[in-house]
Amino acid sequence: MPAIVYQTNKKTGVTYAYESISYWDKDKRQSRAKRKCIGRLDPQTQEVVPTRKKAQDIAGEKIKRGPVPITRTARSFYGATHLFDRIGEDTGVTEDLKTCFPESYRQILSIAYYLILEDRNPLSRFSRWAAIHRHPHGAVISSPRSSELFASITEEARQRFFRLQGKRRVEREYLAYDSTSVSSYSECLRQVRYGNSKNHELLEQINLAVLFGQESRLPFYYRKLAGNIPDVKTLRNVLADMNTLGW
């Protein structure tokens, strides 16, 4: 599997990123690696900046050919996250997040990637995952910072994101509706109520209504409702929201 290796030039202080692919050398009977320079590391954003220039011509000076001393090494997995990048571009999710959350959309994407790939692990383990995976934010998001990020998402920005994503789906396909119930032991959440549990659990619950594209199966709107509200009334609330959002 390809990995990214970082090397810092002691003379210029520039850190370069190399794509390293391991292979087995049959003649020498040992593992070897092929490396290709893919860019330089931005010291502020910690992102790899692609370049077409040869490594020895970067920073305006010639560097003698020969082995480059390794001062920093790192291994990053990026296959799955690159796939998510492409999905975000094709569905317009990345563009709409950038429009609605210009200062934090990279953090939102990184957390979304983590929650998909590590669905059984708590968000507190994000730092361990981020250390070996390439992701949009490119840096660790601590638990306090993630809590601040969630708290910064306003209802106005969230509704704007729903509106943009909804327009993309409406133009191409029919909208589908579904609802589910989430059981909870919480004594603090106001919407937790006893209702008709679809999981047949004798617990209080929260109802969740979702709209998604009939063909793409991509969700673009959700609404939390009290657990004692029946599906008929839930559908009326969703239809009212659709009129408000202009779909």
Protein backbone atom coordinates (compact mmCIF):
# COMPACT_ATOMS: atom_id res chain seq x y z
CA MET A 1 0.00 0.00 0.00
CA PRO A 2 1.42 3.47 -0.87
CA ALA A 3 2.65 5.59 2.03
CA ILE A 4 3.83 9.20 2.31
CA VAL A 5 7.38 9.83 3.57
CA TYR A 6 8.54 13.32 4.60
CA GLN A 7 12.14 14.50 4.26
CA THR A 8 13.50 17.87 5.35
CA ASN A 9 16.40 19.50 3.51
CA LYS A 10 18.84 20.74 6.17
CA LYS A 11 20.17 23.55 3.95
CA THR A 12 16.84 25.06 2.89
CA GLY A 13 14.60 23.87 5.73
CA VAL A 14 12.01 22.78 3.15
CA THR A 15 10.17 19.53 3.86
CA TYR A 16 9.28 17.42 0.82
CA ALA A 17 6.65 14.70 0.58
CA TYR A 18 7.43 11.49 -1.30
CA GLU A 19 5.06 8.73 -2.34
CA SER A 20 6.72 5.50 -1.20
CA ILE A 21 5.68 2.13 -2.63
CA SER A 22 7.23 -0.99 -1.12
CA TYR A 23 8.12 -4.00 -3.28
CA TRP A 24 10.07 -7.23 -2.96
CA ASP A 25 13.44 -7.38 -4.70
CA LYS A 26 13.83 -10.98 -5.88
CA ASP A 27 17.55 -10.61 -6.65
CA LYS A 28 18.56 -9.08 -3.31
CA ARG A 29 15.81 -10.95 -1.45
CA GLN A 30 14.77 -7.98 0.61
CA SER A 31 12.07 -5.35 0.75
CA ARG A 32 12.79 -2.16 -1.21
CA ALA A 33 10.88 1.06 -1.83
CA LYS A 34 10.28 3.28 -4.85
CA ARG A 35 9.83 6.96 -4.04
CA LYS A 36 8.39 9.80 -6.09
CA CYS A 37 8.33 13.45 -5.01
CA ILE A 38 4.73 14.69 -4.94
CA GLY A 39 5.25 18.16 -3.47
CA ARG A 40 6.40 20.14 -0.47
CA LEU A 41 4.85 20.46 2.99
CA ASP A 42 3.28 23.82 3.78
CA PRO A 43 4.62 24.77 7.26
CA GLN A 44 1.41 26.61 8.20
CA THR A 45 -1.38 24.31 6.96
CA GLN A 46 0.67 21.08 7.06
CA GLU A 47 -0.77 20.21 3.64
CA VAL A 48 1.21 18.86 0.71
CA VAL A 49 1.52 21.49 -2.04
CA PRO A 50 1.90 19.77 -5.47
CA THR A 51 4.74 20.98 -7.66
CA ARG A 52 6.01 20.14 -11.12
CA LYS A 53 9.52 21.33 -10.42
CA LYS A 54 12.23 18.83 -9.70
CA ALA A 55 13.19 18.54 -6.07
CA GLN A 56 16.72 19.82 -6.71
CA ASP A 57 15.43 23.01 -8.35
CA ILE A 58 13.01 23.97 -5.55
CA ALA A 59 13.93 27.07 -3.53
CA GLY A 60 16.06 28.39 -6.42
CA GLU A 61 19.21 26.40 -5.78
CA LYS A 62 20.84 23.28 -7.15
CA ILE A 63 21.31 20.32 -4.87
CA LYS A 64 23.93 17.73 -5.62
CA ARG A 65 22.62 14.37 -6.71
CA GLY A 66 22.89 11.64 -4.17
CA PRO A 67 21.10 10.23 -1.14
CA VAL A 68 18.90 12.70 0.72
CA PRO A 69 19.27 12.48 4.50
CA ILE A 70 16.03 11.52 6.24
CA THR A 71 15.29 13.78 9.18
CA ARG A 72 11.59 12.98 9.53
CA THR A 73 9.56 9.93 8.59
CA ALA A 74 5.83 9.32 8.64
CA ARG A 75 3.43 6.79 7.22
CA SER A 76 -0.01 7.89 6.07
CA PHE A 77 -2.91 5.87 4.66
CA TYR A 78 -4.87 7.82 2.09
CA GLY A 79 -6.77 5.39 -0.16
CA ALA A 80 -10.15 5.61 1.62
CA THR A 81 -9.91 9.34 2.32
CA HIS A 82 -9.08 10.10 -1.32
CA LEU A 83 -12.19 8.14 -2.25
CA PHE A 84 -14.24 10.27 0.16
CA ASP A 85 -12.71 13.40 -1.38
CA ARG A 86 -13.97 12.33 -4.81
CA ILE A 87 -17.41 11.45 -3.47
CA GLY A 88 -17.62 14.86 -1.80
CA GLU A 89 -16.73 16.58 -5.07
CA ASP A 90 -19.15 14.55 -7.20
CA THR A 91 -22.11 14.98 -4.80
CA GLY A 92 -21.43 18.66 -4.09
CA VAL A 93 -21.14 17.99 -0.34
CA THR A 94 -17.67 19.55 -0.12
CA GLU A 95 -18.69 22.65 -2.09
CA ASP A 96 -21.84 23.18 -0.02
CA LEU A 97 -19.97 22.68 3.27
CA LYS A 98 -17.39 25.25 2.17
CA THR A 99 -20.20 27.69 1.33
CA CYS A 100 -21.98 27.24 4.67
CA PHE A 101 -18.95 26.69 6.93
CA PRO A 102 -16.02 28.47 5.22
CA GLU A 103 -13.78 28.43 8.30
CA SER A 104 -14.43 24.91 9.55
CA TYR A 105 -15.51 22.76 6.59
CA ARG A 106 -12.18 20.88 6.54
CA GLN A 107 -12.57 19.92 10.21
CA ILE A 108 -16.16 18.80 9.56
CA LEU A 109 -15.03 16.61 6.65
CA SER A 110 -12.19 15.07 8.68
CA ILE A 111 -14.53 14.17 11.54
CA ALA A 112 -17.05 12.72 9.06
CA TYR A 113 -14.30 10.58 7.48
CA TYR A 114 -13.27 9.31 10.91
CA LEU A 115 -16.83 8.48 12.00
CA ILE A 116 -17.36 6.45 8.82
CA LEU A 117 -14.07 4.54 8.93
CA GLU A 118 -13.99 4.10 12.73
CA ASP A 119 -17.71 3.76 13.42
CA ARG A 120 -17.15 1.67 16.56
CA ASN A 121 -14.60 3.98 18.16
CA PRO A 122 -15.36 7.15 20.16
CA LEU A 123 -14.37 10.57 18.83
CA SER A 124 -11.74 10.83 21.58
CA ARG A 125 -9.57 8.44 19.54
CA PHE A 126 -9.48 10.80 16.55
CA SER A 127 -5.89 11.87 17.32
CA ARG A 128 -4.61 8.29 16.98
CA TRP A 129 -6.41 7.89 13.66
CA ALA A 130 -5.27 11.28 12.33
CA ALA A 131 -1.62 10.42 13.02
CA ILE A 132 -1.60 7.73 10.31
CA HIS A 133 -4.31 8.88 7.89
CA ARG A 134 -4.36 11.69 5.38
CA HIS A 135 -7.51 13.82 5.87
CA PRO A 136 -8.75 17.30 4.78
CA HIS A 137 -7.89 19.13 8.01
CA GLY A 138 -4.42 17.61 8.16
CA ALA A 139 -4.06 18.07 11.92
CA VAL A 140 -5.29 16.60 15.17
CA ILE A 141 -8.71 17.68 16.48
CA SER A 142 -8.83 17.23 20.24
CA SER A 143 -12.01 16.32 22.13
CA PRO A 144 -12.50 19.89 23.48
CA ARG A 145 -11.98 21.30 19.99
CA SER A 146 -14.50 18.89 18.44
CA SER A 147 -17.06 19.90 21.08
CA GLU A 148 -16.44 23.57 20.24
CA LEU A 149 -16.81 22.74 16.54
CA PHE A 150 -20.20 21.08 17.04
CA ALA A 151 -21.37 23.97 19.23
CA SER A 152 -20.37 26.50 16.54
CA ILE A 153 -22.74 24.99 13.95
CA THR A 154 -25.72 27.34 13.93
CA GLU A 155 -29.26 26.40 12.93
CA GLU A 156 -29.15 28.98 10.13
CA ALA A 157 -26.01 27.45 8.59
CA ARG A 158 -27.41 23.94 8.96
CA GLN A 159 -30.67 24.88 7.21
CA ARG A 160 -28.69 26.58 4.44
CA PHE A 161 -26.72 23.37 3.88
CA PHE A 162 -29.96 21.38 3.73
CA ARG A 163 -31.34 23.86 1.20
CA LEU A 164 -28.28 23.60 -1.09
CA GLN A 165 -28.14 19.80 -0.94
CA GLY A 166 -31.90 19.53 -1.45
CA LYS A 167 -31.76 21.56 -4.65
CA ARG A 168 -29.13 19.20 -6.05
CA ARG A 169 -31.36 16.18 -5.37
CA VAL A 170 -34.63 17.79 -6.52
CA GLU A 171 -33.15 18.63 -9.91
CA ARG A 172 -32.17 15.00 -10.62
CA GLU A 173 -34.45 12.60 -8.74
CA TYR A 174 -37.52 12.07 -6.59
CA LEU A 175 -37.32 12.57 -2.83
CA ALA A 176 -37.88 9.64 -0.47
CA TYR A 177 -38.90 9.84 3.19
CA ASP A 178 -38.20 7.51 6.09
CA SER A 179 -38.24 7.67 9.86
CA THR A 180 -36.74 5.68 12.69
CA SER A 181 -36.58 5.71 16.46
CA VAL A 182 -33.47 5.85 18.64
CA SER A 183 -33.83 4.42 22.14
CA SER A 184 -32.22 6.33 25.00
CA TYR A 185 -31.64 6.12 28.75
CA SER A 186 -31.15 9.89 28.94
CA GLU A 187 -33.00 11.86 31.62
CA CYS A 188 -31.81 15.23 30.29
CA LEU A 189 -32.95 15.33 26.65
CA ARG A 190 -36.37 16.98 26.39
CA GLN A 191 -37.41 15.08 23.25
CA VAL A 192 -36.93 11.65 24.81
CA ARG A 193 -40.43 10.18 25.25
CA TYR A 194 -42.18 6.83 25.31
CA GLY A 195 -43.63 6.00 21.90
CA ASN A 196 -44.11 3.28 19.31
CA SER A 197 -40.61 1.79 19.22
CA LYS A 198 -39.70 0.31 15.85
CA ASN A 199 -37.04 -1.76 17.60
CA HIS A 200 -39.64 -3.09 20.07
CA GLU A 201 -37.60 -1.88 23.05
CA LEU A 202 -39.25 -0.84 26.31
CA LEU A 203 -37.29 2.42 26.49
CA GLU A 204 -37.94 6.06 25.85
CA GLN A 205 -36.86 7.25 22.43
CA ILE A 206 -36.21 10.08 19.98
CA ASN A 207 -37.72 9.97 16.49
CA LEU A 208 -35.56 10.84 13.51
CA ALA A 209 -37.03 11.83 10.12
CA VAL A 210 -34.81 11.70 7.03
CA LEU A 211 -35.17 12.82 3.39
CA PHE A 212 -32.93 11.31 0.72
CA GLY A 213 -32.69 10.91 -3.05
CA GLN A 214 -34.67 7.94 -4.35
CA GLU A 215 -31.96 6.85 -6.82
CA SER A 216 -28.73 8.05 -5.18
CA ARG A 217 -29.88 7.05 -1.66
CA LEU A 218 -28.02 10.13 -0.41
CA PRO A 219 -29.56 11.80 2.68
CA PHE A 220 -29.69 15.59 2.64
CA TYR A 221 -32.10 16.52 5.44
CA TYR A 222 -32.97 15.26 8.90
CA ARG A 223 -35.10 16.41 11.79
CA LYS A 224 -35.22 15.23 15.40
CA LEU A 225 -38.67 14.87 16.92
CA ALA A 226 -40.10 13.87 20.26
CA GLY A 227 -40.41 10.11 20.68
CA ASN A 228 -44.17 10.20 21.27
CA ILE A 229 -45.01 11.89 17.93
CA PRO A 230 -46.62 9.41 15.45
CA ASP A 231 -45.42 9.05 11.86
CA VAL A 232 -48.45 10.86 10.43
CA LYS A 233 -47.69 14.03 12.36
CA THR A 234 -43.97 13.63 11.63
CA LEU A 235 -44.65 13.64 7.89
CA ARG A 236 -46.70 16.83 8.21
CA ASN A 237 -43.78 18.53 9.96
CA VAL A 238 -41.38 17.41 7.23
CA LEU A 239 -43.68 18.70 4.46
CA ALA A 240 -43.90 22.05 6.25
CA ASP A 241 -40.10 22.20 6.40
CA MET A 242 -39.86 21.39 2.68
CA ASN A 243 -42.08 24.38 1.88
CA THR A 244 -39.96 26.60 4.10
CA LEU A 245 -36.73 25.44 2.43
CA GLY A 246 -38.21 26.02 -1.03
CA TRP A 247 -38.13 22.46 -2.43
